[in-house]
């Protein structure tokens, strides 16, 4: 059974993500229905959550095709331990800077990307929605960066 356009796009984003080496490693993407407010349990854990988030637009493309614009959110999260805090209680700025750069790097990687899903979904837009979520840094000692990737995808009408 074929996947929904949104699920296929998210799966293809995960595959592309895991096929690339980013500046901060190890980093492996998992597809999920994430809740960005959940704290990571283990300090030092770096995660990339790929979340099928919704549709920017759905319209008729031709008499036989529907044009979907699925968007997929990518969440980059890292939990810092108490030992990562300086005497003033803050996390080292250089550690956060590296993750801010990583979010930009992921954004740049997907610019112009054609996904390997069955529809050949093409990149339409990227937006960095949070880099970082400062509330998570203060309350959870967790870096959270969120990107939204939008693709253009055609689906034949059965």
N, C-alpha and C. Protein backbone atom coordinates (compact mmCIF):
# COMPACT_ATOMS: atom_id res chain seq x y z
N UNK A 1 0.84 -1.17 0.00
CA UNK A 1 0.00 0.00 0.00
C UNK A 1 0.89 1.24 0.00
N UNK A 2 0.63 2.21 -0.87
CA UNK A 2 1.47 3.41 -0.92
C UNK A 2 1.25 4.30 0.30
N UNK A 3 2.27 5.05 0.63
CA UNK A 3 2.19 5.99 1.75
C UNK A 3 1.44 7.24 1.35
N UNK A 4 0.88 7.93 2.34
CA UNK A 4 0.33 9.25 2.11
C UNK A 4 1.45 10.17 1.64
N UNK A 5 1.12 11.19 0.88
CA UNK A 5 2.12 12.15 0.37
C UNK A 5 2.96 12.68 1.53
N UNK A 6 2.32 13.04 2.61
CA UNK A 6 3.00 13.62 3.77
C UNK A 6 3.98 12.63 4.40
N UNK A 7 3.57 11.39 4.55
CA UNK A 7 4.42 10.36 5.14
C UNK A 7 5.60 10.06 4.22
N UNK A 8 5.34 9.96 2.92
CA UNK A 8 6.42 9.68 1.95
C UNK A 8 7.45 10.81 1.96
N UNK A 9 6.99 12.05 2.04
CA UNK A 9 7.92 13.19 2.09
C UNK A 9 8.77 13.13 3.35
N UNK A 10 8.16 12.85 4.50
CA UNK A 10 8.91 12.77 5.75
C UNK A 10 9.93 11.64 5.72
N UNK A 11 9.53 10.51 5.18
CA UNK A 11 10.45 9.37 5.09
C UNK A 11 11.63 9.71 4.17
N UNK A 12 11.36 10.41 3.07
CA UNK A 12 12.43 10.80 2.15
C UNK A 12 13.36 11.84 2.78
N UNK A 13 12.82 12.74 3.59
CA UNK A 13 13.65 13.72 4.32
C UNK A 13 14.57 12.96 5.27
N UNK A 14 14.04 11.98 5.98
CA UNK A 14 14.86 11.18 6.90
C UNK A 14 15.98 10.47 6.15
N UNK A 15 15.67 9.88 5.02
CA UNK A 15 16.67 9.17 4.22
C UNK A 15 17.77 10.12 3.75
N UNK A 16 17.39 11.28 3.22
CA UNK A 16 18.38 12.27 2.77
C UNK A 16 19.23 12.75 3.93
N UNK A 17 18.59 13.03 5.06
CA UNK A 17 19.29 13.51 6.25
C UNK A 17 20.34 12.49 6.70
N UNK A 18 19.94 11.23 6.78
CA UNK A 18 20.85 10.19 7.26
C UNK A 18 21.94 9.84 6.24
N UNK A 19 21.78 10.27 4.99
CA UNK A 19 22.80 10.03 3.98
C UNK A 19 23.84 11.14 3.90
N UNK A 20 23.75 12.12 4.80
CA UNK A 20 24.66 13.27 4.78
C UNK A 20 25.40 13.35 6.12
N UNK A 21 26.64 13.81 6.08
CA UNK A 21 27.41 14.00 7.31
C UNK A 21 27.41 15.49 7.63
N UNK A 22 26.86 15.83 8.77
CA UNK A 22 26.81 17.22 9.22
C UNK A 22 27.97 17.52 10.15
N UNK A 23 28.14 18.79 10.51
CA UNK A 23 29.30 19.22 11.30
C UNK A 23 29.29 18.71 12.73
N UNK A 24 28.13 18.44 13.29
CA UNK A 24 28.04 17.90 14.65
C UNK A 24 27.57 16.46 14.53
N UNK A 25 28.36 15.55 15.05
CA UNK A 25 28.05 14.13 14.96
C UNK A 25 28.22 13.49 16.34
N UNK A 26 27.73 12.32 16.60
CA UNK A 26 26.84 11.55 15.73
C UNK A 26 25.43 12.14 15.74
N UNK A 27 24.81 12.11 14.58
CA UNK A 27 23.46 12.65 14.44
C UNK A 27 22.69 11.77 13.47
N UNK A 28 21.72 11.06 14.00
CA UNK A 28 20.89 10.18 13.19
C UNK A 28 19.44 10.64 13.32
N UNK A 29 18.77 10.79 12.19
CA UNK A 29 17.38 11.25 12.18
C UNK A 29 16.44 10.06 12.34
N UNK A 30 15.37 10.30 13.09
CA UNK A 30 14.29 9.33 13.23
C UNK A 30 12.99 10.04 12.89
N UNK A 31 12.11 9.32 12.21
CA UNK A 31 10.80 9.89 11.90
C UNK A 31 9.87 9.59 13.07
N UNK A 32 9.13 10.62 13.49
CA UNK A 32 8.24 10.46 14.63
C UNK A 32 7.12 11.49 14.56
N UNK A 33 6.23 11.40 15.50
CA UNK A 33 5.22 12.44 15.72
C UNK A 33 5.64 13.11 17.02
N UNK A 34 6.67 13.94 16.92
CA UNK A 34 7.36 14.46 18.10
C UNK A 34 6.57 15.53 18.83
N UNK A 35 6.89 15.63 20.08
CA UNK A 35 6.42 16.72 20.92
C UNK A 35 7.69 17.45 21.36
N UNK A 36 7.91 18.63 20.81
CA UNK A 36 9.15 19.35 21.06
C UNK A 36 9.34 19.71 22.54
N UNK A 37 8.27 19.70 23.31
CA UNK A 37 8.37 20.07 24.72
C UNK A 37 8.82 18.92 25.61
N UNK A 38 8.91 17.71 25.06
CA UNK A 38 9.39 16.60 25.86
C UNK A 38 10.89 16.74 26.07
N UNK A 39 11.30 16.63 27.31
CA UNK A 39 12.73 16.72 27.62
C UNK A 39 13.41 15.41 27.24
N UNK A 40 14.63 15.52 26.75
CA UNK A 40 15.43 14.32 26.51
C UNK A 40 15.89 13.79 27.86
N UNK A 41 15.92 12.49 27.98
CA UNK A 41 16.26 11.88 29.27
C UNK A 41 17.77 11.88 29.54
N UNK A 42 18.57 11.60 28.53
CA UNK A 42 20.00 11.42 28.75
C UNK A 42 20.78 12.67 28.34
N UNK A 43 21.61 13.15 29.24
CA UNK A 43 22.49 14.28 28.92
C UNK A 43 23.45 13.85 27.82
N UNK A 44 23.77 14.78 26.92
CA UNK A 44 24.68 14.50 25.83
C UNK A 44 24.00 13.93 24.61
N UNK A 45 22.74 13.60 24.71
CA UNK A 45 22.00 13.02 23.59
C UNK A 45 21.72 14.09 22.54
N UNK A 46 22.07 13.82 21.30
CA UNK A 46 21.76 14.69 20.17
C UNK A 46 20.80 13.95 19.27
N UNK A 47 19.63 14.57 19.01
CA UNK A 47 18.59 13.91 18.22
C UNK A 47 18.15 14.80 17.07
N UNK A 48 17.71 14.14 16.02
CA UNK A 48 17.04 14.83 14.91
C UNK A 48 15.71 14.10 14.71
N UNK A 49 14.63 14.81 14.97
CA UNK A 49 13.29 14.25 14.79
C UNK A 49 12.70 14.78 13.49
N UNK A 50 12.25 13.88 12.63
CA UNK A 50 11.61 14.24 11.37
C UNK A 50 10.11 14.02 11.57
N UNK A 51 9.35 15.10 11.42
CA UNK A 51 7.92 15.05 11.76
C UNK A 51 7.09 15.49 10.56
N UNK A 52 6.21 14.61 10.11
CA UNK A 52 5.28 14.97 9.04
C UNK A 52 4.25 15.91 9.67
N UNK A 53 4.28 17.19 9.28
CA UNK A 53 3.57 18.20 10.04
C UNK A 53 2.24 18.64 9.41
N UNK A 54 2.12 18.64 8.09
CA UNK A 54 0.86 19.08 7.49
C UNK A 54 1.04 19.46 6.03
N UNK A 55 0.05 20.17 5.52
CA UNK A 55 0.06 20.59 4.13
C UNK A 55 -0.08 22.10 4.05
N UNK A 56 0.80 22.75 3.27
CA UNK A 56 0.69 24.18 3.04
C UNK A 56 -0.41 24.46 2.04
N UNK A 57 -0.59 23.54 1.09
CA UNK A 57 -1.61 23.73 0.05
C UNK A 57 -1.91 22.39 -0.60
N UNK A 58 -3.16 22.23 -1.03
CA UNK A 58 -3.58 21.09 -1.83
C UNK A 58 -4.48 21.65 -2.92
N UNK A 59 -4.16 21.34 -4.20
CA UNK A 59 -4.96 21.88 -5.30
C UNK A 59 -4.87 20.95 -6.51
N UNK A 60 -5.78 21.12 -7.43
CA UNK A 60 -5.73 20.36 -8.68
C UNK A 60 -4.58 20.91 -9.52
N UNK A 61 -3.77 20.01 -10.04
CA UNK A 61 -2.67 20.41 -10.92
C UNK A 61 -3.11 20.27 -12.38
N UNK A 62 -3.68 19.11 -12.68
CA UNK A 62 -4.22 18.81 -14.00
C UNK A 62 -5.48 17.98 -13.77
N UNK A 63 -6.11 17.55 -14.84
CA UNK A 63 -7.31 16.71 -14.68
C UNK A 63 -6.99 15.38 -14.02
N UNK A 64 -5.73 14.97 -14.09
CA UNK A 64 -5.37 13.67 -13.54
C UNK A 64 -4.43 13.71 -12.35
N UNK A 65 -4.09 14.92 -11.85
CA UNK A 65 -3.13 15.01 -10.76
C UNK A 65 -3.55 16.06 -9.72
N UNK A 66 -3.18 15.76 -8.49
CA UNK A 66 -3.35 16.71 -7.39
C UNK A 66 -1.97 17.19 -6.98
N UNK A 67 -1.83 18.49 -6.77
CA UNK A 67 -0.57 19.06 -6.28
C UNK A 67 -0.68 19.24 -4.77
N UNK A 68 0.21 18.59 -4.08
CA UNK A 68 0.31 18.73 -2.63
C UNK A 68 1.55 19.55 -2.30
N UNK A 69 1.47 20.32 -1.24
CA UNK A 69 2.65 20.97 -0.68
C UNK A 69 2.78 20.52 0.77
N UNK A 70 3.36 19.33 0.96
CA UNK A 70 3.55 18.86 2.33
C UNK A 70 4.68 19.61 3.01
N UNK A 71 4.53 19.84 4.31
CA UNK A 71 5.67 20.38 5.03
C UNK A 71 6.06 19.42 6.14
N UNK A 72 7.37 19.35 6.32
CA UNK A 72 7.98 18.42 7.25
C UNK A 72 8.84 19.24 8.20
N UNK A 73 8.65 19.02 9.49
CA UNK A 73 9.47 19.71 10.48
C UNK A 73 10.65 18.84 10.87
N UNK A 74 11.79 19.48 11.05
CA UNK A 74 13.00 18.82 11.52
C UNK A 74 13.36 19.46 12.85
N UNK A 75 13.39 18.66 13.88
CA UNK A 75 13.77 19.16 15.21
C UNK A 75 15.14 18.64 15.58
N UNK A 76 16.03 19.54 15.92
CA UNK A 76 17.37 19.18 16.38
C UNK A 76 17.39 19.46 17.88
N UNK A 77 17.68 18.42 18.66
CA UNK A 77 17.66 18.60 20.11
C UNK A 77 18.89 17.97 20.76
N UNK A 78 19.40 18.66 21.78
CA UNK A 78 20.50 18.11 22.58
C UNK A 78 20.29 18.52 24.03
N UNK A 79 20.38 17.55 24.88
CA UNK A 79 20.26 17.78 26.32
C UNK A 79 21.64 17.96 26.90
N UNK A 80 21.81 19.02 27.68
CA UNK A 80 23.08 19.29 28.35
C UNK A 80 22.98 18.83 29.80
N UNK A 81 24.08 18.30 30.32
CA UNK A 81 24.11 17.87 31.71
C UNK A 81 24.52 19.02 32.62
N UNK A 82 24.42 18.79 33.91
CA UNK A 82 24.82 19.82 34.87
C UNK A 82 26.29 20.17 34.72
N UNK A 83 27.11 19.21 34.30
CA UNK A 83 28.53 19.45 34.11
C UNK A 83 28.83 20.35 32.92
N UNK A 84 27.84 20.55 32.04
CA UNK A 84 28.02 21.43 30.89
C UNK A 84 27.77 22.89 31.23
N UNK A 85 27.34 23.15 32.45
CA UNK A 85 27.04 24.52 32.85
C UNK A 85 28.28 25.17 33.46
N UNK A 86 28.46 26.44 33.16
CA UNK A 86 29.55 27.22 33.74
C UNK A 86 29.17 27.59 35.17
N UNK A 87 30.10 28.24 35.88
CA UNK A 87 29.85 28.65 37.27
C UNK A 87 28.64 29.57 37.39
N UNK A 88 28.37 30.33 36.32
CA UNK A 88 27.23 31.24 36.36
C UNK A 88 25.91 30.54 36.06
N UNK A 89 25.94 29.21 35.87
CA UNK A 89 24.73 28.44 35.64
C UNK A 89 24.32 28.34 34.18
N UNK A 90 25.06 28.99 33.31
CA UNK A 90 24.73 28.97 31.88
C UNK A 90 25.52 27.89 31.15
N UNK A 91 24.95 27.42 30.05
CA UNK A 91 25.64 26.47 29.18
C UNK A 91 26.65 27.25 28.36
N UNK A 92 27.80 26.65 28.10
CA UNK A 92 28.86 27.31 27.33
C UNK A 92 28.31 27.78 25.99
N UNK A 93 28.51 29.05 25.70
CA UNK A 93 28.00 29.67 24.48
C UNK A 93 28.54 28.96 23.23
N UNK A 94 29.78 28.50 23.26
CA UNK A 94 30.37 27.83 22.09
C UNK A 94 29.61 26.53 21.78
N UNK A 95 29.14 25.82 22.80
CA UNK A 95 28.38 24.59 22.58
C UNK A 95 27.04 24.90 21.89
N UNK A 96 26.40 25.98 22.32
CA UNK A 96 25.13 26.38 21.71
C UNK A 96 25.37 26.91 20.30
N UNK A 97 26.45 27.68 20.12
CA UNK A 97 26.78 28.22 18.80
C UNK A 97 26.92 27.11 17.76
N UNK A 98 27.56 26.00 18.16
CA UNK A 98 27.76 24.88 17.23
C UNK A 98 26.41 24.29 16.79
N UNK A 99 25.44 24.26 17.68
CA UNK A 99 24.12 23.72 17.34
C UNK A 99 23.30 24.70 16.52
N UNK A 100 23.46 26.00 16.78
CA UNK A 100 22.80 27.01 15.95
C UNK A 100 23.32 26.89 14.52
N UNK A 101 24.63 26.70 14.37
CA UNK A 101 25.22 26.50 13.04
C UNK A 101 24.70 25.22 12.40
N UNK A 102 24.54 24.16 13.18
CA UNK A 102 24.02 22.90 12.66
C UNK A 102 22.62 23.08 12.08
N UNK A 103 21.76 23.83 12.75
CA UNK A 103 20.41 24.08 12.24
C UNK A 103 20.48 24.80 10.89
N UNK A 104 21.35 25.81 10.80
CA UNK A 104 21.54 26.50 9.51
C UNK A 104 22.07 25.55 8.45
N UNK A 105 22.97 24.67 8.83
CA UNK A 105 23.57 23.70 7.90
C UNK A 105 22.49 22.75 7.35
N UNK A 106 21.60 22.27 8.22
CA UNK A 106 20.51 21.40 7.77
C UNK A 106 19.61 22.17 6.81
N UNK A 107 19.30 23.41 7.14
CA UNK A 107 18.48 24.26 6.26
C UNK A 107 19.13 24.37 4.87
N UNK A 108 20.41 24.66 4.83
CA UNK A 108 21.12 24.83 3.57
C UNK A 108 21.22 23.52 2.79
N UNK A 109 21.32 22.40 3.50
CA UNK A 109 21.39 21.10 2.83
C UNK A 109 20.13 20.82 2.02
N UNK A 110 18.98 21.21 2.55
CA UNK A 110 17.72 20.90 1.87
C UNK A 110 17.32 21.93 0.81
N UNK A 111 18.01 23.06 0.72
CA UNK A 111 17.69 24.04 -0.32
C UNK A 111 17.83 23.40 -1.69
N UNK A 112 16.77 23.42 -2.47
CA UNK A 112 16.80 22.89 -3.83
C UNK A 112 16.77 21.38 -3.94
N UNK A 113 16.60 20.68 -2.83
CA UNK A 113 16.65 19.21 -2.82
C UNK A 113 15.44 18.59 -3.53
N UNK A 114 15.69 17.54 -4.30
CA UNK A 114 14.62 16.70 -4.86
C UNK A 114 14.63 15.43 -4.03
N UNK A 115 13.50 15.11 -3.41
CA UNK A 115 13.44 13.95 -2.52
C UNK A 115 13.38 12.65 -3.31
N UNK A 116 13.78 11.58 -2.65
CA UNK A 116 13.78 10.26 -3.28
C UNK A 116 12.45 9.53 -3.07
N UNK A 117 11.39 10.27 -2.75
CA UNK A 117 10.09 9.60 -2.59
C UNK A 117 9.54 9.23 -3.97
N UNK A 118 8.48 8.48 -4.00
CA UNK A 118 7.94 7.97 -5.26
C UNK A 118 7.41 9.07 -6.17
N UNK A 119 7.20 10.26 -5.66
CA UNK A 119 6.67 11.37 -6.45
C UNK A 119 7.74 12.38 -6.86
N UNK A 120 8.97 12.16 -6.45
CA UNK A 120 10.04 13.11 -6.78
C UNK A 120 9.76 14.49 -6.24
N UNK A 121 9.28 14.55 -5.02
CA UNK A 121 8.94 15.83 -4.40
C UNK A 121 10.12 16.79 -4.45
N UNK A 122 9.85 18.02 -4.85
CA UNK A 122 10.89 19.03 -5.01
C UNK A 122 10.78 20.09 -3.92
N UNK A 123 11.93 20.57 -3.47
CA UNK A 123 11.98 21.61 -2.45
C UNK A 123 11.23 22.84 -2.93
N UNK A 124 10.47 23.45 -2.04
CA UNK A 124 9.76 24.68 -2.33
C UNK A 124 10.19 25.80 -1.39
N UNK A 125 10.35 25.50 -0.10
CA UNK A 125 10.71 26.53 0.87
C UNK A 125 11.30 25.90 2.13
N UNK A 126 12.11 26.67 2.80
CA UNK A 126 12.64 26.29 4.11
C UNK A 126 12.43 27.47 5.05
N UNK A 127 12.17 27.18 6.29
CA UNK A 127 12.05 28.23 7.30
C UNK A 127 12.62 27.69 8.61
N UNK A 128 13.48 28.48 9.23
CA UNK A 128 13.97 28.14 10.56
C UNK A 128 12.98 28.76 11.54
N UNK A 129 12.24 27.91 12.23
CA UNK A 129 11.16 28.37 13.10
C UNK A 129 11.65 28.69 14.51
N UNK A 130 12.71 28.05 14.94
CA UNK A 130 13.30 28.32 16.26
C UNK A 130 14.75 27.89 16.21
N UNK A 131 15.63 28.74 16.74
CA UNK A 131 17.06 28.41 16.74
C UNK A 131 17.79 29.28 17.76
N UNK A 132 17.72 28.96 19.02
CA UNK A 132 17.07 27.86 19.71
C UNK A 132 15.75 28.30 20.37
N UNK A 133 15.07 27.33 20.96
CA UNK A 133 13.92 27.62 21.82
C UNK A 133 14.53 27.99 23.19
N UNK A 134 14.55 29.27 23.51
CA UNK A 134 15.25 29.72 24.72
C UNK A 134 14.62 29.18 26.00
N UNK A 135 13.32 28.99 25.99
CA UNK A 135 12.65 28.42 27.17
C UNK A 135 13.21 27.04 27.48
N UNK A 136 13.50 26.24 26.46
CA UNK A 136 14.06 24.90 26.67
C UNK A 136 15.46 24.98 27.26
N UNK A 137 16.25 25.96 26.80
CA UNK A 137 17.59 26.13 27.36
C UNK A 137 17.51 26.47 28.85
N UNK A 138 16.63 27.41 29.19
CA UNK A 138 16.51 27.85 30.58
C UNK A 138 15.93 26.77 31.49
N UNK A 139 14.85 26.13 31.05
CA UNK A 139 14.12 25.24 31.93
C UNK A 139 14.55 23.78 31.85
N UNK A 140 15.06 23.34 30.70
CA UNK A 140 15.37 21.92 30.51
C UNK A 140 16.86 21.65 30.28
N UNK A 141 17.67 22.72 30.15
CA UNK A 141 19.07 22.58 29.71
C UNK A 141 19.12 21.81 28.40
N UNK A 142 18.19 22.13 27.50
CA UNK A 142 18.07 21.43 26.23
C UNK A 142 18.05 22.43 25.08
N UNK A 143 18.93 22.19 24.10
CA UNK A 143 18.88 22.97 22.86
C UNK A 143 17.80 22.38 21.99
N UNK A 144 16.93 23.22 21.43
CA UNK A 144 15.93 22.79 20.47
C UNK A 144 15.93 23.77 19.32
N UNK A 145 16.20 23.27 18.12
CA UNK A 145 16.10 24.05 16.89
C UNK A 145 15.08 23.38 15.99
N UNK A 146 14.21 24.17 15.36
CA UNK A 146 13.15 23.60 14.54
C UNK A 146 13.15 24.25 13.16
N UNK A 147 13.17 23.41 12.13
CA UNK A 147 13.09 23.86 10.74
C UNK A 147 11.80 23.34 10.12
N UNK A 148 11.25 24.08 9.18
CA UNK A 148 10.10 23.61 8.40
C UNK A 148 10.52 23.57 6.94
N UNK A 149 10.41 22.39 6.33
CA UNK A 149 10.74 22.18 4.94
C UNK A 149 9.44 21.94 4.18
N UNK A 150 9.22 22.69 3.11
CA UNK A 150 8.02 22.54 2.30
C UNK A 150 8.42 22.03 0.93
N UNK A 151 7.65 21.06 0.41
CA UNK A 151 7.94 20.44 -0.88
C UNK A 151 6.74 20.54 -1.80
N UNK A 152 6.99 20.40 -3.08
CA UNK A 152 5.97 20.38 -4.10
C UNK A 152 5.89 18.94 -4.61
N UNK A 153 4.70 18.35 -4.53
CA UNK A 153 4.56 16.94 -4.85
C UNK A 153 3.29 16.72 -5.67
N UNK A 154 3.39 15.90 -6.71
CA UNK A 154 2.22 15.57 -7.53
C UNK A 154 1.78 14.15 -7.25
N UNK A 155 0.46 13.97 -7.19
CA UNK A 155 -0.10 12.64 -6.97
C UNK A 155 -1.17 12.41 -8.04
N UNK A 156 -1.03 11.28 -8.74
CA UNK A 156 -2.02 10.94 -9.75
C UNK A 156 -3.33 10.58 -9.08
N UNK A 157 -4.42 11.00 -9.69
CA UNK A 157 -5.74 10.67 -9.19
C UNK A 157 -6.09 9.27 -9.71
N UNK A 158 -6.45 8.36 -8.80
CA UNK A 158 -6.75 6.98 -9.25
C UNK A 158 -8.02 6.91 -10.09
